[in-house]
Amino acid sequence: MKKKGENAMSRITMTPEEERELLLVLERYLPDLEIEMADTDSREFLHALKEREKFMMELIKRLKGVVS
């Protein structure tokens, strides 16, 4: 059974400054994530980190298109 709004797409409105700050936060966290992936021995955790990296890279790409 699906929860209410499970497939609904959420939207958030941000100012240009908020968009730039979010992009900065994501870009600064990415190297830490890569270090964490290199240091983990757990395949499950590594898979989760790779999924997070994929998500973050896509979000960074989208934000760069807006911020540019």
C-alpha atoms as a PDB file:
ATOM      1  CA  MET A   1       0.000   0.000   0.000  1.00  0.00           C
ATOM      2  CA  LYS A   2       1.370   3.392  -0.969  1.00  0.00           C
ATOM      3  CA  LYS A   3       1.512   6.218   1.496  1.00  0.00           C
ATOM      4  CA  LYS A   4      -0.264   9.472   0.737  1.00  0.00           C
ATOM      5  CA  GLY A   5       1.851  11.559  -1.625  1.00  0.00           C
ATOM      6  CA  GLU A   6       4.473   8.827  -2.121  1.00  0.00           C
ATOM      7  CA  ASN A   7       4.647   9.361  -5.884  1.00  0.00           C
ATOM      8  CA  ALA A   8       3.868  13.052  -5.803  1.00  0.00           C
ATOM      9  CA  MET A   9       6.637  15.382  -6.894  1.00  0.00           C
ATOM     10  CA  SER A  10       7.511  18.015  -4.332  1.00  0.00           C
ATOM     11  CA  ARG A  11       8.603  21.491  -5.270  1.00  0.00           C
ATOM     12  CA  ILE A  12      10.482  24.063  -3.306  1.00  0.00           C
ATOM     13  CA  THR A  13      10.964  27.688  -4.207  1.00  0.00           C
ATOM     14  CA  MET A  14      14.363  29.161  -3.438  1.00  0.00           C
ATOM     15  CA  THR A  15      15.930  32.526  -3.904  1.00  0.00           C
ATOM     16  CA  PRO A  16      19.015  32.707  -6.139  1.00  0.00           C
ATOM     17  CA  GLU A  17      21.134  33.064  -2.991  1.00  0.00           C
ATOM     18  CA  GLU A  18      19.592  29.898  -1.518  1.00  0.00           C
ATOM     19  CA  GLU A  19      20.263  28.031  -4.761  1.00  0.00           C
ATOM     20  CA  ARG A  20      23.919  29.121  -4.714  1.00  0.00           C
ATOM     21  CA  GLU A  21      24.297  28.133  -1.056  1.00  0.00           C
ATOM     22  CA  LEU A  22      22.731  24.713  -1.623  1.00  0.00           C
ATOM     23  CA  LEU A  23      25.045  24.134  -4.570  1.00  0.00           C
ATOM     24  CA  LEU A  24      28.027  25.137  -2.430  1.00  0.00           C
ATOM     25  CA  VAL A  25      27.004  22.760   0.375  1.00  0.00           C
ATOM     26  CA  LEU A  26      26.571  19.856  -2.023  1.00  0.00           C
ATOM     27  CA  GLU A  27      29.888  20.505  -3.761  1.00  0.00           C
ATOM     28  CA  ARG A  28      31.722  20.756  -0.444  1.00  0.00           C
ATOM     29  CA  TYR A  29      30.218  17.506   0.872  1.00  0.00           C
ATOM     30  CA  LEU A  30      30.973  15.466  -2.259  1.00  0.00           C
ATOM     31  CA  PRO A  31      34.725  14.958  -1.558  1.00  0.00           C
ATOM     32  CA  ASP A  32      33.887  13.724   1.964  1.00  0.00           C
ATOM     33  CA  LEU A  33      31.448  11.248   0.464  1.00  0.00           C
ATOM     34  CA  GLU A  34      34.129   9.974  -1.917  1.00  0.00           C
ATOM     35  CA  ILE A  35      36.523   9.472   1.009  1.00  0.00           C
ATOM     36  CA  GLU A  36      33.819   7.615   2.930  1.00  0.00           C
ATOM     37  CA  MET A  37      33.241   5.331  -0.077  1.00  0.00           C
ATOM     38  CA  ALA A  38      36.950   4.557  -0.299  1.00  0.00           C
ATOM     39  CA  ASP A  39      37.142   3.766   3.427  1.00  0.00           C
ATOM     40  CA  THR A  40      34.104   1.512   3.810  1.00  0.00           C
ATOM     41  CA  ASP A  41      34.332  -2.269   3.884  1.00  0.00           C
ATOM     42  CA  SER A  42      30.583  -2.864   3.822  1.00  0.00           C
ATOM     43  CA  ARG A  43      29.168  -3.592   0.371  1.00  0.00           C
ATOM     44  CA  GLU A  44      25.682  -2.544   1.433  1.00  0.00           C
ATOM     45  CA  PHE A  45      26.924   0.748   2.842  1.00  0.00           C
ATOM     46  CA  LEU A  46      29.060   1.346  -0.255  1.00  0.00           C
ATOM     47  CA  HIS A  47      26.022   0.757  -2.457  1.00  0.00           C
ATOM     48  CA  ALA A  48      24.015   3.277  -0.409  1.00  0.00           C
ATOM     49  CA  LEU A  49      26.841   5.813  -0.651  1.00  0.00           C
ATOM     50  CA  LYS A  50      27.093   5.330  -4.419  1.00  0.00           C
ATOM     51  CA  GLU A  51      23.357   5.926  -4.738  1.00  0.00           C
ATOM     52  CA  ARG A  52      23.726   9.091  -2.661  1.00  0.00           C
ATOM     53  CA  GLU A  53      26.628  10.238  -4.844  1.00  0.00           C
ATOM     54  CA  LYS A  54      24.558   9.640  -7.988  1.00  0.00           C
ATOM     55  CA  PHE A  55      21.670  11.621  -6.522  1.00  0.00           C
ATOM     56  CA  MET A  56      23.964  14.463  -5.451  1.00  0.00           C
ATOM     57  CA  MET A  57      25.702  14.660  -8.821  1.00  0.00           C
ATOM     58  CA  GLU A  58      22.364  14.929 -10.598  1.00  0.00           C
ATOM     59  CA  LEU A  59      21.172  17.610  -8.182  1.00  0.00           C
ATOM     60  CA  ILE A  60      24.434  19.545  -8.582  1.00  0.00           C
ATOM     61  CA  LYS A  61      24.051  19.361 -12.362  1.00  0.00           C
ATOM     62  CA  ARG A  62      20.482  20.656 -12.150  1.00  0.00           C
ATOM     63  CA  LEU A  63      21.409  23.450  -9.754  1.00  0.00           C
ATOM     64  CA  LYS A  64      24.295  24.566 -11.965  1.00  0.00           C
ATOM     65  CA  GLY A  65      21.808  24.945 -14.804  1.00  0.00           C
ATOM     66  CA  VAL A  66      19.704  27.243 -12.639  1.00  0.00           C
ATOM     67  CA  VAL A  67      22.510  29.174 -10.948  1.00  0.00           C
ATOM     68  CA  SER A  68      24.555  29.836 -14.102  1.00  0.00           C
END
